[in-house]
PDB file of N, CA and C in Angstrom:
ATOM      1  N   MET A   1      17.364 117.774   1.376  1.00  0.00           N
ATOM      2  CA  MET A   1      16.880 118.624  -0.059  1.00  0.00           C
ATOM      3  C   MET A   1      15.284 117.810  -0.080  1.00  0.00           C
ATOM      4  N   LYS A   2      14.313 119.087  -0.060  1.00  0.00           N
ATOM      5  CA  LYS A   2      12.835 118.600  -0.062  1.00  0.00           C
ATOM      6  C   LYS A   2      12.443 118.554  -1.507  1.00  0.00           C
ATOM      7  N   LYS A   3      11.879 117.460  -2.057  1.00  0.00           N
ATOM      8  CA  LYS A   3      11.516 117.199  -3.325  1.00  0.00           C
ATOM      9  C   LYS A   3      10.098 117.635  -3.678  1.00  0.00           C
ATOM     10  N   ILE A   4      10.036 118.542  -4.577  1.00  0.00           N
ATOM     11  CA  ILE A   4       8.528 119.166  -4.664  1.00  0.00           C
ATOM     12  C   ILE A   4       8.269 118.694  -6.383  1.00  0.00           C
ATOM     13  N   GLU A   5       6.982 118.356  -6.418  1.00  0.00           N
ATOM     14  CA  GLU A   5       6.396 117.709  -7.631  1.00  0.00           C
ATOM     15  C   GLU A   5       4.988 118.313  -7.988  1.00  0.00           C
ATOM     16  N   GLY A   6       4.521 118.144  -9.207  1.00  0.00           N
ATOM     17  CA  GLY A   6       3.301 118.591  -9.691  1.00  0.00           C
ATOM     18  C   GLY A   6       2.758 119.893  -9.625  1.00  0.00           C
ATOM     19  N   GLN A   7       1.805 120.367  -9.071  1.00  0.00           N
ATOM     20  CA  GLN A   7       1.172 121.783  -9.019  1.00  0.00           C
ATOM     21  C   GLN A   7       1.985 122.701  -8.327  1.00  0.00           C
ATOM     22  N   MET A   8       2.614 122.309  -7.189  1.00  0.00           N
ATOM     23  CA  MET A   8       3.343 123.329  -6.453  1.00  0.00           C
ATOM     24  C   MET A   8       4.500 123.636  -7.165  1.00  0.00           C
ATOM     25  N   ALA A   9       5.423 122.417  -7.872  1.00  0.00           N
ATOM     26  CA  ALA A   9       6.575 122.727  -8.482  1.00  0.00           C
ATOM     27  C   ALA A   9       6.224 123.617  -9.513  1.00  0.00           C
ATOM     28  N   ASP A  10       5.023 123.476 -10.687  1.00  0.00           N
ATOM     29  CA  ASP A  10       4.809 124.395 -11.646  1.00  0.00           C
ATOM     30  C   ASP A  10       4.703 125.896 -10.881  1.00  0.00           C
ATOM     31  N   VAL A  11       4.072 126.116 -10.089  1.00  0.00           N
ATOM     32  CA  VAL A  11       3.929 127.419  -9.234  1.00  0.00           C
ATOM     33  C   VAL A  11       5.531 128.044  -8.949  1.00  0.00           C
ATOM     34  N   MET A  12       6.013 127.364  -8.315  1.00  0.00           N
ATOM     35  CA  MET A  12       7.507 127.536  -7.972  1.00  0.00           C
ATOM     36  C   MET A  12       8.368 128.007  -9.409  1.00  0.00           C
ATOM     37  N   LYS A  13       8.319 127.136 -10.203  1.00  0.00           N
ATOM     38  CA  LYS A  13       9.086 127.509 -11.668  1.00  0.00           C
ATOM     39  C   LYS A  13       8.467 128.690 -12.019  1.00  0.00           C
ATOM     40  N   GLU A  14       7.194 128.874 -12.231  1.00  0.00           N
ATOM     41  CA  GLU A  14       6.559 130.225 -12.681  1.00  0.00           C
ATOM     42  C   GLU A  14       7.021 131.191 -11.878  1.00  0.00           C
ATOM     43  N   ILE A  15       6.946 131.129 -10.878  1.00  0.00           N
ATOM     44  CA  ILE A  15       7.665 132.374 -10.039  1.00  0.00           C
ATOM     45  C   ILE A  15       9.134 132.761 -10.199  1.00  0.00           C
ATOM     46  N   ILE A  16       9.897 131.669 -10.449  1.00  0.00           N
ATOM     47  CA  ILE A  16      11.232 131.954 -10.685  1.00  0.00           C
ATOM     48  C   ILE A  16      11.534 132.342 -12.291  1.00  0.00           C
ATOM     49  N   SER A  17      10.748 131.893 -13.100  1.00  0.00           N
ATOM     50  CA  SER A  17      10.966 132.205 -14.394  1.00  0.00           C
ATOM     51  C   SER A  17      10.256 133.722 -14.731  1.00  0.00           C
ATOM     52  N   ASP A  18       9.615 134.042 -13.641  1.00  0.00           N
ATOM     53  CA  ASP A  18       8.819 135.444 -13.867  1.00  0.00           C
ATOM     54  C   ASP A  18       9.898 136.670 -13.679  1.00  0.00           C
ATOM     55  N   GLY A  19      10.957 136.481 -13.051  1.00  0.00           N
ATOM     56  CA  GLY A  19      12.118 137.400 -12.937  1.00  0.00           C
ATOM     57  C   GLY A  19      11.869 138.184 -11.507  1.00  0.00           C
ATOM     58  N   ASP A  20      10.956 137.796 -10.805  1.00  0.00           N
ATOM     59  CA  ASP A  20      10.665 138.293  -9.485  1.00  0.00           C
ATOM     60  C   ASP A  20      10.854 136.953  -8.468  1.00  0.00           C
ATOM     61  N   PRO A  21      11.610 136.471  -8.085  1.00  0.00           N
ATOM     62  CA  PRO A  21      11.946 135.102  -7.210  1.00  0.00           C
ATOM     63  C   PRO A  21      11.545 135.376  -5.872  1.00  0.00           C
ATOM     64  N   VAL A  22      11.368 136.358  -5.441  1.00  0.00           N
ATOM     65  CA  VAL A  22      11.256 136.968  -4.021  1.00  0.00           C
ATOM     66  C   VAL A  22       9.620 136.872  -3.708  1.00  0.00           C
ATOM     67  N   VAL A  23       9.473 135.667  -2.602  1.00  0.00           N
ATOM     68  CA  VAL A  23       8.306 135.447  -2.119  1.00  0.00           C
ATOM     69  C   VAL A  23       7.922 135.629  -0.680  1.00  0.00           C
ATOM     70  N   GLU A  24       6.594 135.842  -0.334  1.00  0.00           N
ATOM     71  CA  GLU A  24       6.399 136.162   0.996  1.00  0.00           C
ATOM     72  C   GLU A  24       5.684 135.033   1.635  1.00  0.00           C
ATOM     73  N   ILE A  25       6.016 134.324   2.608  1.00  0.00           N
ATOM     74  CA  ILE A  25       4.956 133.514   3.235  1.00  0.00           C
ATOM     75  C   ILE A  25       5.094 133.529   4.558  1.00  0.00           C
ATOM     76  N   GLU A  26       3.653 133.808   4.933  1.00  0.00           N
ATOM     77  CA  GLU A  26       3.708 134.052   6.517  1.00  0.00           C
ATOM     78  C   GLU A  26       4.441 135.447   7.431  1.00  0.00           C
ATOM     79  N   GLY A  27       4.553 136.300   6.369  1.00  0.00           N
ATOM     80  CA  GLY A  27       5.240 137.670   6.881  1.00  0.00           C
ATOM     81  C   GLY A  27       7.101 137.624   6.551  1.00  0.00           C
ATOM     82  N   LYS A  28       7.470 136.301   6.047  1.00  0.00           N
ATOM     83  CA  LYS A  28       8.966 136.260   6.023  1.00  0.00           C
ATOM     84  C   LYS A  28       9.175 136.076   4.258  1.00  0.00           C
ATOM     85  N   GLU A  29      10.451 136.736   3.823  1.00  0.00           N
ATOM     86  CA  GLU A  29      10.586 136.652   2.509  1.00  0.00           C
ATOM     87  C   GLU A  29      11.710 135.782   2.079  1.00  0.00           C
ATOM     88  N   TYR A  30      11.417 134.824   1.144  1.00  0.00           N
ATOM     89  CA  TYR A  30      12.058 133.938   0.558  1.00  0.00           C
ATOM     90  C   TYR A  30      12.598 134.279  -0.620  1.00  0.00           C
ATOM     91  N   TYR A  31      13.868 133.870  -1.157  1.00  0.00           N
ATOM     92  CA  TYR A  31      14.250 133.992  -2.547  1.00  0.00           C
ATOM     93  C   TYR A  31      14.428 132.594  -3.182  1.00  0.00           C
ATOM     94  N   LEU A  32      13.966 132.396  -4.116  1.00  0.00           N
ATOM     95  CA  LEU A  32      13.689 131.049  -4.943  1.00  0.00           C
ATOM     96  C   LEU A  32      14.928 131.306  -5.984  1.00  0.00           C
ATOM     97  N   SER A  33      15.602 130.236  -6.288  1.00  0.00           N
ATOM     98  CA  SER A  33      16.641 130.456  -7.435  1.00  0.00           C
ATOM     99  C   SER A  33      16.865 128.821  -7.824  1.00  0.00           C
ATOM    100  N   LEU A  34      17.171 128.745  -9.137  1.00  0.00           N
ATOM    101  CA  LEU A  34      17.355 127.627  -9.587  1.00  0.00           C
ATOM    102  C   LEU A  34      19.038 127.565  -9.563  1.00  0.00           C
ATOM    103  N   ILE A  35      19.454 126.139  -9.261  1.00  0.00           N
ATOM    104  CA  ILE A  35      20.853 125.694  -9.023  1.00  0.00           C
ATOM    105  C   ILE A  35      20.712 124.719 -10.143  1.00  0.00           C
ATOM    106  N   GLU A  36      21.787 124.899 -10.816  1.00  0.00           N
ATOM    107  CA  GLU A  36      21.771 123.878 -11.879  1.00  0.00           C
ATOM    108  C   GLU A  36      23.215 123.117 -11.637  1.00  0.00           C
ATOM    109  N   LYS A  37      23.191 121.937 -11.727  1.00  0.00           N
ATOM    110  CA  LYS A  37      24.532 120.878 -11.385  1.00  0.00           C
ATOM    111  C   LYS A  37      25.319 121.136 -12.632  1.00  0.00           C
ATOM    112  N   PRO A  38      26.439 121.325 -12.577  1.00  0.00           N
ATOM    113  CA  PRO A  38      27.290 121.388 -13.553  1.00  0.00           C
ATOM    114  C   PRO A  38      27.693 120.078 -14.569  1.00  0.00           C
ATOM    115  N   GLU A  39      27.873 120.357 -15.688  1.00  0.00           N
ATOM    116  CA  GLU A  39      28.104 119.371 -16.823  1.00  0.00           C
ATOM    117  C   GLU A  39      29.455 118.262 -16.471  1.00  0.00           C
ATOM    118  N   THR A  40      30.502 118.981 -16.103  1.00  0.00           N
ATOM    119  CA  THR A  40      31.521 118.386 -15.414  1.00  0.00           C
ATOM    120  C   THR A  40      31.956 118.741 -14.070  1.00  0.00           C
ATOM    121  N   THR A  41      32.912 118.058 -13.444  1.00  0.00           N
ATOM    122  CA  THR A  41      33.516 118.353 -12.330  1.00  0.00           C
ATOM    123  C   THR A  41      34.816 119.264 -12.214  1.00  0.00           C
ATOM    124  N   ILE A  42      35.070 119.630 -11.153  1.00  0.00           N
ATOM    125  CA  ILE A  42      36.386 120.440 -11.221  1.00  0.00           C
ATOM    126  C   ILE A  42      37.654 119.493 -11.695  1.00  0.00           C
ATOM    127  N   ALA A  43      37.271 118.544 -11.236  1.00  0.00           N
ATOM    128  CA  ALA A  43      38.425 117.232 -11.236  1.00  0.00           C
ATOM    129  C   ALA A  43      38.540 117.154 -12.949  1.00  0.00           C
ATOM    130  N   ASP A  44      37.585 117.065 -13.510  1.00  0.00           N
ATOM    131  CA  ASP A  44      37.266 116.797 -15.101  1.00  0.00           C
ATOM    132  C   ASP A  44      37.930 117.919 -15.750  1.00  0.00           C
ATOM    133  N   ASP A  45      37.690 119.381 -15.406  1.00  0.00           N
ATOM    134  CA  ASP A  45      37.947 120.600 -15.817  1.00  0.00           C
ATOM    135  C   ASP A  45      39.704 120.563 -15.765  1.00  0.00           C
ATOM    136  N   VAL A  46      40.144 120.214 -14.826  1.00  0.00           N
ATOM    137  CA  VAL A  46      41.603 120.119 -14.398  1.00  0.00           C
ATOM    138  C   VAL A  46      42.248 119.222 -15.363  1.00  0.00           C
ATOM    139  N   GLU A  47      41.730 117.959 -15.390  1.00  0.00           N
ATOM    140  CA  GLU A  47      42.360 117.026 -16.278  1.00  0.00           C
ATOM    141  C   GLU A  47      42.300 117.497 -17.582  1.00  0.00           C
ATOM    142  N   ALA A  48      41.329 117.920 -17.962  1.00  0.00           N
ATOM    143  CA  ALA A  48      40.979 118.480 -19.700  1.00  0.00           C
ATOM    144  C   ALA A  48      41.915 119.756 -19.901  1.00  0.00           C
ATOM    145  N   ASP A  49      42.372 120.419 -18.874  1.00  0.00           N
ATOM    146  CA  ASP A  49      43.012 121.828 -19.275  1.00  0.00           C
ATOM    147  C   ASP A  49      44.378 121.646 -18.638  1.00  0.00           C
ATOM    148  N   PRO A  50      45.493 121.053 -19.536  1.00  0.00           N
ATOM    149  CA  PRO A  50      46.672 120.845 -18.916  1.00  0.00           C
ATOM    150  C   PRO A  50      47.472 122.388 -18.172  1.00  0.00           C
ATOM    151  N   ASP A  51      47.169 123.577 -18.841  1.00  0.00           N
ATOM    152  CA  ASP A  51      47.421 124.853 -18.474  1.00  0.00           C
ATOM    153  C   ASP A  51      46.927 125.015 -16.996  1.00  0.00           C
ATOM    154  N   LEU A  52      45.674 124.879 -16.810  1.00  0.00           N
ATOM    155  CA  LEU A  52      44.984 124.879 -15.385  1.00  0.00           C
ATOM    156  C   LEU A  52      45.662 123.903 -14.521  1.00  0.00           C
ATOM    157  N   LYS A  53      46.129 122.941 -14.746  1.00  0.00           N
ATOM    158  CA  LYS A  53      46.444 121.782 -14.069  1.00  0.00           C
ATOM    159  C   LYS A  53      48.109 122.172 -13.596  1.00  0.00           C
ATOM    160  N   GLN A  54      48.640 122.990 -14.528  1.00  0.00           N
ATOM    161  CA  GLN A  54      50.037 123.197 -14.104  1.00  0.00           C
ATOM    162  C   GLN A  54      49.929 124.423 -13.296  1.00  0.00           C
ATOM    163  N   LYS A  55      49.117 125.326 -13.266  1.00  0.00           N
ATOM    164  CA  LYS A  55      48.939 126.565 -12.583  1.00  0.00           C
ATOM    165  C   LYS A  55      48.394 126.099 -10.976  1.00  0.00           C
ATOM    166  N   LEU A  56      47.658 124.990 -10.892  1.00  0.00           N
ATOM    167  CA  LEU A  56      46.906 124.540  -9.556  1.00  0.00           C
ATOM    168  C   LEU A  56      48.224 123.909  -8.850  1.00  0.00           C
ATOM    169  N   LEU A  57      48.860 123.123  -9.634  1.00  0.00           N
ATOM    170  CA  LEU A  57      50.335 122.274  -8.914  1.00  0.00           C
ATOM    171  C   LEU A  57      51.180 123.513  -8.536  1.00  0.00           C
ATOM    172  N   GLN A  58      51.572 124.530  -9.286  1.00  0.00           N
ATOM    173  CA  GLN A  58      52.554 125.646  -8.770  1.00  0.00           C
ATOM    174  C   GLN A  58      51.842 126.363  -7.875  1.00  0.00           C
ATOM    175  N   ALA A  59      50.512 126.598  -7.988  1.00  0.00           N
ATOM    176  CA  ALA A  59      50.113 127.153  -6.410  1.00  0.00           C
ATOM    177  C   ALA A  59      50.246 126.517  -5.310  1.00  0.00           C
ATOM    178  N   LYS A  60      50.214 124.845  -5.222  1.00  0.00           N
ATOM    179  CA  LYS A  60      50.372 124.283  -4.258  1.00  0.00           C
ATOM    180  C   LYS A  60      51.627 124.175  -3.861  1.00  0.00           C
ATOM    181  N   ILE A  61      52.740 124.027  -4.776  1.00  0.00           N
ATOM    182  CA  ILE A  61      53.948 124.163  -4.560  1.00  0.00           C
ATOM    183  C   ILE A  61      54.630 125.711  -3.625  1.00  0.00           C
ATOM    184  N   ASP A  62      54.029 126.795  -4.399  1.00  0.00           N
ATOM    185  CA  ASP A  62      54.218 128.098  -3.739  1.00  0.00           C
ATOM    186  C   ASP A  62      53.593 128.126  -2.295  1.00  0.00           C
ATOM    187  N   ILE A  63      52.388 127.703  -2.160  1.00  0.00           N
ATOM    188  CA  ILE A  63      51.625 127.743  -0.485  1.00  0.00           C
ATOM    189  C   ILE A  63      52.539 126.760   0.430  1.00  0.00           C
ATOM    190  N   LEU A  64      53.216 125.365  -0.248  1.00  0.00           N
ATOM    191  CA  LEU A  64      53.704 124.605   0.699  1.00  0.00           C
ATOM    192  C   LEU A  64      55.422 125.362   0.816  1.00  0.00           C
ATOM    193  N   ASN A  65      55.600 126.054   0.101  1.00  0.00           N
ATOM    194  CA  ASN A  65      56.940 126.618   0.316  1.00  0.00           C
ATOM    195  C   ASN A  65      56.919 128.046   0.872  1.00  0.00           C
ATOM    196  N   GLY A  66      55.815 128.526   1.355  1.00  0.00           N
ATOM    197  CA  GLY A  66      55.403 129.614   1.878  1.00  0.00           C
ATOM    198  C   GLY A  66      55.227 131.104   1.209  1.00  0.00           C
ATOM    199  N   LYS A  67      55.350 130.716   0.022  1.00  0.00           N
ATOM    200  CA  LYS A  67      55.037 131.907  -0.926  1.00  0.00           C
ATOM    201  C   LYS A  67      53.764 132.169  -1.152  1.00  0.00           C
ATOM    202  N   THR A  68      53.307 132.985  -0.282  1.00  0.00           N
ATOM    203  CA  THR A  68      51.934 133.598  -0.119  1.00  0.00           C
ATOM    204  C   THR A  68      52.095 134.993  -0.157  1.00  0.00           C
ATOM    205  N   TYR A  69      50.755 135.726  -0.195  1.00  0.00           N
ATOM    206  CA  TYR A  69      50.398 137.072  -0.192  1.00  0.00           C
ATOM    207  C   TYR A  69      49.398 137.328   0.336  1.00  0.00           C
ATOM    208  N   THR A  70      49.165 138.433   1.303  1.00  0.00           N
ATOM    209  CA  THR A  70      47.948 138.927   1.853  1.00  0.00           C
ATOM    210  C   THR A  70      47.449 139.768   0.829  1.00  0.00           C
ATOM    211  N   THR A  71      46.093 139.787   0.941  1.00  0.00           N
ATOM    212  CA  THR A  71      44.948 140.719   0.115  1.00  0.00           C
ATOM    213  C   THR A  71      45.651 142.202   0.041  1.00  0.00           C
ATOM    214  N   ASP A  72      46.062 142.477   1.040  1.00  0.00           N
ATOM    215  CA  ASP A  72      46.957 144.055   0.939  1.00  0.00           C
ATOM    216  C   ASP A  72      47.866 143.896  -0.022  1.00  0.00           C
ATOM    217  N   GLU A  73      48.555 143.102   0.068  1.00  0.00           N
ATOM    218  CA  GLU A  73      49.878 142.799  -0.735  1.00  0.00           C
ATOM    219  C   GLU A  73      49.594 142.803  -2.201  1.00  0.00           C
ATOM    220  N   VAL A  74      48.484 141.836  -2.696  1.00  0.00           N
ATOM    221  CA  VAL A  74      48.072 141.689  -3.906  1.00  0.00           C
ATOM    222  C   VAL A  74      47.501 142.868  -4.561  1.00  0.00           C
ATOM    223  N   VAL A  75      46.603 143.803  -3.504  1.00  0.00           N
ATOM    224  CA  VAL A  75      46.215 145.078  -4.105  1.00  0.00           C
ATOM    225  C   VAL A  75      47.262 146.047  -4.273  1.00  0.00           C
ATOM    226  N   GLU A  76      48.249 146.046  -3.690  1.00  0.00           N
ATOM    227  CA  GLU A  76      49.268 147.186  -3.566  1.00  0.00           C
ATOM    228  C   GLU A  76      49.816 146.632  -5.167  1.00  0.00           C
ATOM    229  N   MET A  77      50.109 145.270  -5.293  1.00  0.00           N
ATOM    230  CA  MET A  77      51.047 144.868  -6.785  1.00  0.00           C
ATOM    231  C   MET A  77      50.142 145.294  -7.880  1.00  0.00           C
ATOM    232  N   ILE A  78      48.789 145.243  -7.421  1.00  0.00           N
ATOM    233  CA  ILE A  78      48.018 145.668  -8.718  1.00  0.00           C
ATOM    234  C   ILE A  78      47.993 147.004  -9.030  1.00  0.00           C
ATOM    235  N   ASN A  79      47.971 147.662  -7.752  1.00  0.00           N
ATOM    236  CA  ASN A  79      47.794 149.384  -7.986  1.00  0.00           C
ATOM    237  C   ASN A  79      49.312 149.662  -8.648  1.00  0.00           C
ATOM    238  N   GLN A  80      50.425 148.959  -8.499  1.00  0.00           N
ATOM    239  CA  GLN A  80      51.540 148.999  -9.233  1.00  0.00           C
ATOM    240  C   GLN A  80      51.593 148.859 -10.361  1.00  0.00           C
ATOM    241  N   GLY A  81      51.015 148.038 -10.771  1.00  0.00           N
ATOM    242  CA  GLY A  81      50.970 147.290 -12.166  1.00  0.00           C
ATOM    243  C   GLY A  81      51.833 146.057 -12.294  1.00  0.00           C
ATOM    244  N   GLU A  82      52.158 145.410 -11.221  1.00  0.00           N
ATOM    245  CA  GLU A  82      53.076 144.249 -11.005  1.00  0.00           C
ATOM    246  C   GLU A  82      52.209 143.057 -11.567  1.00  0.00           C
ATOM    247  N   LEU A  83      50.886 143.122 -11.220  1.00  0.00           N
ATOM    248  CA  LEU A  83      49.994 142.060 -11.637  1.00  0.00           C
ATOM    249  C   LEU A  83      48.935 142.386 -12.736  1.00  0.00           C
TER     250      LEU A  83
END
């Protein structure tokens, strides 16, 4: 990752905040986007939510036991109102 500071950073922040984050440099278009780090990690979220933790553990058990579905099977279950 390249760190940008000063005037160049100010210009880039202004481009992003103006709502049109596409810039052209030497004939090529680049998309600028803000990436914010989440306040918590996935592990923190799982530990804080017992229901989520249980669902993930059950999913792991199901996968280990071969209880998996293809995308087509899931779409079909949704269409039939099973999910």
